[in-house]
Amino acid sequence: REAAAELVRLQQLHVEAMRALCDRARQAEIAARHEAADGLELALEESKRRLRNFAETEEGQAYLAERARRIMETHGGGGIDESSCLREAHDDLVRASEAKLRTQTDA
């Protein structure tokens, strides 16, 4: 009878230890997710800064102008002005950059 009571006591200790390990693992996973989210946020901010800098260069302006021209052609040249096409071209570049970063982060 004492042996059975000792086994029950040891099993309870093991169960408590396992719960503690699960709690620590869950906390570590949450912390890792927060860290990854913070890292992604910083990477997105840096990407936007680089895109702004690129857009100010001659090469960047040429790229955006070409992309805007293709957008205008897609819309048949009517109903959308050049300014809107340039904004859309810039937004496309931002979306593509963000998608690439998110894909890299998920990998």
N, C-alpha and C. Protein backbone atom coordinates (compact mmCIF):
# COMPACT_ATOMS: atom_id res chain seq x y z
N ARG A 1 0.82 -1.19 0.00
CA ARG A 1 0.00 0.00 0.00
C ARG A 1 0.87 1.26 0.00
N GLU A 2 1.93 1.29 0.75
CA GLU A 2 2.84 2.43 0.75
C GLU A 2 3.51 2.60 -0.59
N ALA A 3 3.82 1.49 -1.26
CA ALA A 3 4.45 1.55 -2.58
C ALA A 3 3.51 2.21 -3.59
N ALA A 4 2.23 1.85 -3.52
CA ALA A 4 1.24 2.44 -4.43
C ALA A 4 1.10 3.94 -4.17
N ALA A 5 1.08 4.33 -2.92
CA ALA A 5 0.98 5.74 -2.56
C ALA A 5 2.22 6.50 -3.06
N GLU A 6 3.38 5.87 -2.96
CA GLU A 6 4.63 6.49 -3.43
C GLU A 6 4.60 6.64 -4.95
N LEU A 7 4.08 5.64 -5.65
CA LEU A 7 3.96 5.73 -7.12
C LEU A 7 3.02 6.86 -7.53
N VAL A 8 1.91 6.97 -6.83
CA VAL A 8 0.96 8.05 -7.12
C VAL A 8 1.62 9.40 -6.89
N ARG A 9 2.36 9.52 -5.78
CA ARG A 9 3.04 10.78 -5.47
C ARG A 9 4.07 11.12 -6.56
N LEU A 10 4.84 10.13 -7.00
CA LEU A 10 5.84 10.36 -8.04
C LEU A 10 5.18 10.73 -9.37
N GLN A 11 4.05 10.08 -9.68
CA GLN A 11 3.34 10.42 -10.91
C GLN A 11 2.83 11.85 -10.86
N GLN A 12 2.35 12.29 -9.71
CA GLN A 12 1.87 13.66 -9.57
C GLN A 12 3.03 14.64 -9.79
N LEU A 13 4.20 14.32 -9.26
CA LEU A 13 5.38 15.17 -9.46
C LEU A 13 5.74 15.24 -10.94
N HIS A 14 5.67 14.10 -11.62
CA HIS A 14 5.99 14.07 -13.05
C HIS A 14 4.97 14.88 -13.85
N VAL A 15 3.72 14.76 -13.50
CA VAL A 15 2.67 15.52 -14.19
C VAL A 15 2.90 17.02 -13.99
N GLU A 16 3.20 17.43 -12.78
CA GLU A 16 3.47 18.85 -12.50
C GLU A 16 4.69 19.33 -13.28
N ALA A 17 5.73 18.49 -13.32
CA ALA A 17 6.93 18.85 -14.07
C ALA A 17 6.61 19.00 -15.56
N MET A 18 5.81 18.09 -16.10
CA MET A 18 5.43 18.16 -17.52
C MET A 18 4.59 19.40 -17.80
N ARG A 19 3.69 19.73 -16.90
CA ARG A 19 2.89 20.97 -17.07
C ARG A 19 3.79 22.19 -17.08
N ALA A 20 4.77 22.21 -16.17
CA ALA A 20 5.69 23.34 -16.11
C ALA A 20 6.49 23.44 -17.41
N LEU A 21 6.94 22.30 -17.93
CA LEU A 21 7.68 22.30 -19.20
C LEU A 21 6.81 22.79 -20.35
N CYS A 22 5.57 22.35 -20.38
CA CYS A 22 4.63 22.80 -21.43
C CYS A 22 4.39 24.30 -21.33
N ASP A 23 4.23 24.81 -20.13
CA ASP A 23 4.04 26.25 -19.93
C ASP A 23 5.25 27.03 -20.42
N ARG A 24 6.44 26.56 -20.07
CA ARG A 24 7.67 27.24 -20.52
C ARG A 24 7.79 27.20 -22.03
N ALA A 25 7.46 26.06 -22.63
CA ALA A 25 7.54 25.94 -24.09
C ALA A 25 6.55 26.89 -24.75
N ARG A 26 5.34 26.97 -24.19
CA ARG A 26 4.31 27.88 -24.73
C ARG A 26 4.76 29.33 -24.61
N GLN A 27 5.35 29.70 -23.48
CA GLN A 27 5.85 31.06 -23.29
C GLN A 27 6.99 31.37 -24.26
N ALA A 28 7.87 30.39 -24.48
CA ALA A 28 8.98 30.59 -25.42
C ALA A 28 8.45 30.77 -26.84
N GLU A 29 7.42 30.00 -27.19
CA GLU A 29 6.82 30.13 -28.52
C GLU A 29 6.18 31.50 -28.70
N ILE A 30 5.49 31.97 -27.69
CA ILE A 30 4.87 33.30 -27.75
C ILE A 30 5.94 34.38 -27.89
N ALA A 31 7.00 34.25 -27.10
CA ALA A 31 8.09 35.22 -27.17
C ALA A 31 8.73 35.21 -28.57
N ALA A 32 8.92 34.02 -29.14
CA ALA A 32 9.51 33.92 -30.48
C ALA A 32 8.61 34.57 -31.52
N ARG A 33 7.30 34.37 -31.38
CA ARG A 33 6.36 35.00 -32.32
C ARG A 33 6.42 36.51 -32.23
N HIS A 34 6.48 37.03 -31.00
CA HIS A 34 6.58 38.48 -30.83
C HIS A 34 7.88 39.02 -31.43
N GLU A 35 8.95 38.29 -31.20
CA GLU A 35 10.24 38.71 -31.73
C GLU A 35 10.22 38.71 -33.26
N ALA A 36 9.64 37.67 -33.84
CA ALA A 36 9.53 37.59 -35.30
C ALA A 36 8.67 38.72 -35.85
N ALA A 37 7.57 39.01 -35.16
CA ALA A 37 6.68 40.10 -35.60
C ALA A 37 7.40 41.43 -35.51
N ASP A 38 8.16 41.65 -34.44
CA ASP A 38 8.93 42.88 -34.30
C ASP A 38 9.98 42.98 -35.39
N GLY A 39 10.62 41.85 -35.69
CA GLY A 39 11.63 41.83 -36.75
C GLY A 39 11.02 42.13 -38.10
N LEU A 40 9.86 41.57 -38.37
CA LEU A 40 9.17 41.84 -39.63
C LEU A 40 8.78 43.31 -39.72
N GLU A 41 8.28 43.85 -38.64
CA GLU A 41 7.89 45.27 -38.63
C GLU A 41 9.09 46.16 -38.94
N LEU A 42 10.21 45.87 -38.31
CA LEU A 42 11.43 46.65 -38.58
C LEU A 42 11.88 46.49 -40.03
N ALA A 43 11.81 45.27 -40.54
CA ALA A 43 12.20 45.02 -41.92
C ALA A 43 11.28 45.75 -42.89
N LEU A 44 9.98 45.79 -42.58
CA LEU A 44 9.03 46.51 -43.44
C LEU A 44 9.31 48.01 -43.43
N GLU A 45 9.61 48.55 -42.27
CA GLU A 45 9.94 49.98 -42.18
C GLU A 45 11.21 50.29 -42.98
N GLU A 46 12.22 49.43 -42.84
CA GLU A 46 13.47 49.63 -43.58
C GLU A 46 13.23 49.51 -45.08
N SER A 47 12.40 48.57 -45.48
CA SER A 47 12.08 48.40 -46.89
C SER A 47 11.39 49.64 -47.45
N LYS A 48 10.46 50.19 -46.70
CA LYS A 48 9.76 51.40 -47.16
C LYS A 48 10.73 52.57 -47.29
N ARG A 49 11.68 52.67 -46.37
CA ARG A 49 12.68 53.73 -46.44
C ARG A 49 13.54 53.56 -47.69
N ARG A 50 13.95 52.32 -47.96
CA ARG A 50 14.76 52.07 -49.15
C ARG A 50 13.98 52.35 -50.43
N LEU A 51 12.70 51.99 -50.43
CA LEU A 51 11.87 52.25 -51.61
C LEU A 51 11.71 53.75 -51.85
N ARG A 52 11.54 54.52 -50.76
CA ARG A 52 11.46 55.98 -50.91
C ARG A 52 12.75 56.52 -51.53
N ASN A 53 13.89 56.02 -51.02
CA ASN A 53 15.17 56.46 -51.55
C ASN A 53 15.32 56.05 -53.02
N PHE A 54 14.92 54.83 -53.35
CA PHE A 54 14.99 54.36 -54.73
C PHE A 54 14.12 55.23 -55.64
N ALA A 55 12.92 55.56 -55.17
CA ALA A 55 11.99 56.36 -55.97
C ALA A 55 12.54 57.76 -56.26
N GLU A 56 13.47 58.21 -55.44
CA GLU A 56 14.05 59.54 -55.64
C GLU A 56 15.23 59.51 -56.62
N THR A 57 15.72 58.33 -56.94
CA THR A 57 16.84 58.23 -57.88
C THR A 57 16.33 58.30 -59.31
N GLU A 58 17.23 58.55 -60.24
CA GLU A 58 16.88 58.58 -61.66
C GLU A 58 16.37 57.20 -62.11
N GLU A 59 17.06 56.15 -61.65
CA GLU A 59 16.66 54.79 -61.99
C GLU A 59 15.27 54.47 -61.44
N GLY A 60 15.02 54.88 -60.21
CA GLY A 60 13.73 54.63 -59.59
C GLY A 60 12.61 55.37 -60.29
N GLN A 61 12.87 56.61 -60.66
CA GLN A 61 11.86 57.39 -61.35
C GLN A 61 11.56 56.79 -62.72
N ALA A 62 12.61 56.30 -63.39
CA ALA A 62 12.40 55.66 -64.70
C ALA A 62 11.59 54.38 -64.53
N TYR A 63 11.89 53.59 -63.50
CA TYR A 63 11.15 52.36 -63.26
C TYR A 63 9.67 52.67 -63.00
N LEU A 64 9.42 53.62 -62.11
CA LEU A 64 8.03 53.96 -61.78
C LEU A 64 7.29 54.54 -62.98
N ALA A 65 7.97 55.34 -63.79
CA ALA A 65 7.33 55.91 -64.98
C ALA A 65 6.96 54.80 -65.96
N GLU A 66 7.86 53.83 -66.14
CA GLU A 66 7.57 52.70 -67.04
C GLU A 66 6.41 51.87 -66.50
N ARG A 67 6.42 51.62 -65.21
CA ARG A 67 5.34 50.84 -64.59
C ARG A 67 4.02 51.61 -64.71
N ALA A 68 4.06 52.92 -64.51
CA ALA A 68 2.85 53.74 -64.63
C ALA A 68 2.33 53.70 -66.07
N ARG A 69 3.26 53.71 -67.04
CA ARG A 69 2.86 53.65 -68.45
C ARG A 69 2.14 52.32 -68.73
N ARG A 70 2.66 51.21 -68.17
CA ARG A 70 2.03 49.91 -68.37
C ARG A 70 0.65 49.86 -67.69
N ILE A 71 0.53 50.49 -66.54
CA ILE A 71 -0.77 50.54 -65.86
C ILE A 71 -1.77 51.31 -66.70
N MET A 72 -1.32 52.43 -67.26
CA MET A 72 -2.20 53.25 -68.09
C MET A 72 -2.64 52.45 -69.33
N GLU A 73 -1.70 51.70 -69.92
CA GLU A 73 -2.04 50.87 -71.09
C GLU A 73 -3.07 49.80 -70.71
N THR A 74 -2.89 49.23 -69.52
CA THR A 74 -3.81 48.19 -69.05
C THR A 74 -5.23 48.74 -68.93
N HIS A 75 -5.33 50.00 -68.54
CA HIS A 75 -6.64 50.64 -68.39
C HIS A 75 -7.12 51.28 -69.70
N GLY A 76 -6.43 50.97 -70.78
CA GLY A 76 -6.85 51.49 -72.09
C GLY A 76 -6.55 52.96 -72.28
N GLY A 77 -5.72 53.52 -71.41
CA GLY A 77 -5.31 54.91 -71.55
C GLY A 77 -6.35 55.92 -71.12
N GLY A 78 -7.53 55.47 -70.81
CA GLY A 78 -8.57 56.42 -70.43
C GLY A 78 -9.07 56.18 -69.02
N GLY A 79 -9.60 57.20 -68.45
CA GLY A 79 -10.23 57.07 -67.15
C GLY A 79 -9.27 57.06 -65.98
N ILE A 80 -7.97 57.13 -66.24
CA ILE A 80 -7.01 57.16 -65.14
C ILE A 80 -5.88 58.10 -65.55
N ASP A 81 -5.58 59.03 -64.67
CA ASP A 81 -4.56 60.02 -65.01
C ASP A 81 -3.16 59.54 -64.63
N GLU A 82 -2.17 60.26 -65.12
CA GLU A 82 -0.77 59.87 -64.91
C GLU A 82 -0.39 59.84 -63.43
N SER A 83 -0.88 60.79 -62.68
CA SER A 83 -0.60 60.86 -61.25
C SER A 83 -1.12 59.62 -60.53
N SER A 84 -2.32 59.21 -60.87
CA SER A 84 -2.89 58.00 -60.27
C SER A 84 -2.09 56.77 -60.65
N CYS A 85 -1.65 56.72 -61.90
CA CYS A 85 -0.83 55.59 -62.36
C CYS A 85 0.50 55.54 -61.63
N LEU A 86 1.11 56.69 -61.40
CA LEU A 86 2.37 56.73 -60.66
C LEU A 86 2.17 56.26 -59.22
N ARG A 87 1.07 56.68 -58.60
CA ARG A 87 0.77 56.22 -57.24
C ARG A 87 0.57 54.70 -57.23
N GLU A 88 -0.17 54.21 -58.21
CA GLU A 88 -0.41 52.77 -58.31
C GLU A 88 0.90 52.01 -58.53
N ALA A 89 1.78 52.56 -59.36
CA ALA A 89 3.08 51.92 -59.60
C ALA A 89 3.89 51.85 -58.31
N HIS A 90 3.88 52.94 -57.57
CA HIS A 90 4.60 52.96 -56.29
C HIS A 90 3.98 51.96 -55.31
N ASP A 91 2.66 51.96 -55.24
CA ASP A 91 1.97 51.02 -54.34
C ASP A 91 2.26 49.56 -54.72
N ASP A 92 2.32 49.29 -56.04
CA ASP A 92 2.67 47.94 -56.50
C ASP A 92 4.05 47.53 -56.00
N LEU A 93 4.98 48.45 -56.09
CA LEU A 93 6.35 48.18 -55.65
C LEU A 93 6.39 47.92 -54.14
N VAL A 94 5.64 48.70 -53.38
CA VAL A 94 5.58 48.51 -51.92
C VAL A 94 4.96 47.15 -51.60
N ARG A 95 3.85 46.81 -52.25
CA ARG A 95 3.19 45.52 -52.00
C ARG A 95 4.10 44.34 -52.35
N ALA A 96 4.80 44.44 -53.47
CA ALA A 96 5.70 43.36 -53.87
C ALA A 96 6.83 43.19 -52.87
N SER A 97 7.36 44.30 -52.41
CA SER A 97 8.44 44.25 -51.43
C SER A 97 7.96 43.64 -50.11
N GLU A 98 6.79 44.06 -49.66
CA GLU A 98 6.22 43.53 -48.41
C GLU A 98 5.94 42.03 -48.54
N ALA A 99 5.41 41.62 -49.68
CA ALA A 99 5.11 40.19 -49.89
C ALA A 99 6.39 39.38 -49.86
N LYS A 100 7.44 39.90 -50.47
CA LYS A 100 8.73 39.20 -50.46
C LYS A 100 9.26 39.06 -49.04
N LEU A 101 9.19 40.13 -48.26
CA LEU A 101 9.66 40.08 -46.88
C LEU A 101 8.84 39.09 -46.05
N ARG A 102 7.54 39.10 -46.22
CA ARG A 102 6.68 38.17 -45.47
C ARG A 102 7.00 36.72 -45.84
N THR A 103 7.24 36.48 -47.12
CA THR A 103 7.59 35.12 -47.57
C THR A 103 8.91 34.69 -46.95
N GLN A 104 9.88 35.59 -46.91
CA GLN A 104 11.18 35.27 -46.33
C GLN A 104 11.04 35.02 -44.84
N THR A 105 10.19 35.77 -44.18
CA THR A 105 10.00 35.61 -42.73
C THR A 105 9.31 34.29 -42.43
N ASP A 106 8.34 33.91 -43.28
CA ASP A 106 7.61 32.65 -43.08
C ASP A 106 8.50 31.42 -43.31
N ALA A 107 9.51 31.60 -44.14
CA ALA A 107 10.38 30.44 -44.47
C ALA A 107 11.28 30.05 -43.32
